Amino acid sequence: MFQAAVGDRLVIKGHHVGDPDRDAEIIELHGEGGGPPWVVRWSDDGHEGLFFPGSDAAIEHFPHDGSKTADP
């Protein structure tokens, strides 16, 4: 189960060998307890939109102490 906070980073793995990963900042939460859907801002083009994660998604959490952790 995915849980996120505003400011966390969403990473989508490339689907084919050689495809780049895609990432976005989570800017709004719409699910209960930090669950999806989220509004995200994509780093490659600045587009904002509602996002429901699939199995190729991972969340990088950014705790208050400045360290980060990954959530598959």
Protein backbone atom coordinates (compact mmCIF):
# COMPACT_ATOMS: atom_id res chain seq x y z
CA MET A 1 0.00 0.00 0.00
CA PHE A 2 1.30 3.42 -0.94
CA GLN A 3 1.33 6.26 1.56
CA ALA A 4 2.80 9.65 0.83
CA ALA A 5 3.12 13.16 2.20
CA VAL A 6 3.19 16.49 0.41
CA GLY A 7 6.74 17.04 -0.82
CA ASP A 8 7.55 13.34 -1.29
CA ARG A 9 8.96 12.25 -4.64
CA LEU A 10 7.14 9.80 -6.90
CA VAL A 11 9.37 7.73 -9.21
CA ILE A 12 8.01 5.72 -12.14
CA LYS A 13 10.43 3.15 -13.53
CA GLY A 14 11.03 3.07 -17.30
CA HIS A 15 9.06 0.26 -18.93
CA HIS A 16 11.76 -0.92 -21.34
CA VAL A 17 15.52 -1.31 -21.08
CA GLY A 18 17.03 2.10 -21.72
CA ASP A 19 13.85 4.03 -20.92
CA PRO A 20 14.49 6.76 -18.34
CA ASP A 21 12.67 6.85 -15.02
CA ARG A 22 10.12 9.63 -14.61
CA ASP A 23 9.64 11.55 -11.37
CA ALA A 24 7.24 14.03 -9.82
CA GLU A 25 6.71 15.93 -6.60
CA ILE A 26 3.55 15.08 -4.67
CA ILE A 27 1.79 18.40 -4.12
CA GLU A 28 -1.69 17.34 -2.87
CA LEU A 29 -3.14 14.27 -1.15
CA HIS A 30 -6.66 13.08 -1.96
CA GLY A 31 -6.72 9.61 -0.36
CA GLU A 32 -7.14 8.67 3.29
CA GLY A 33 -3.98 8.55 5.40
CA GLY A 34 -1.73 9.72 2.56
CA GLY A 35 -3.01 7.11 0.13
CA PRO A 36 -3.68 7.79 -3.55
CA PRO A 37 -4.80 9.51 -5.59
CA TRP A 38 -2.33 12.38 -5.41
CA VAL A 39 -1.84 15.55 -7.41
CA VAL A 40 1.72 15.51 -8.72
CA ARG A 41 3.99 17.93 -10.61
CA TRP A 42 6.19 16.13 -13.17
CA SER A 43 9.82 17.27 -13.15
CA ASP A 44 10.36 16.88 -16.91
CA ASP A 45 7.62 19.27 -18.07
CA GLY A 46 6.01 20.85 -14.97
CA HIS A 47 2.62 19.33 -15.83
CA GLU A 48 0.31 18.83 -12.83
CA GLY A 49 -2.32 16.13 -12.65
CA LEU A 50 -4.12 13.53 -10.57
CA PHE A 51 -2.15 10.28 -10.32
CA PHE A 52 -3.04 6.73 -9.27
CA PRO A 53 0.18 4.65 -8.81
CA GLY A 54 0.77 1.28 -10.45
CA SER A 55 3.25 -1.46 -9.65
CA ASP A 56 6.05 0.47 -11.39
CA ALA A 57 5.81 3.36 -8.88
CA ALA A 58 7.95 4.05 -5.82
CA ILE A 59 7.77 6.85 -3.25
CA GLU A 60 10.80 8.59 -1.77
CA HIS A 61 9.81 9.98 1.63
CA PHE A 62 11.52 13.04 3.03
CA PRO A 63 11.30 13.05 6.87
CA HIS A 64 11.70 16.26 8.87
CA ASP A 65 15.34 15.42 9.67
CA GLY A 66 16.28 15.79 5.99
CA SER A 67 17.01 12.14 5.28
CA LYS A 68 15.06 10.21 2.68
CA THR A 69 13.67 6.69 2.54
CA ALA A 70 12.20 4.67 -0.32
CA ASP A 71 8.85 2.86 -0.34
CA PRO A 72 8.40 0.32 -3.18
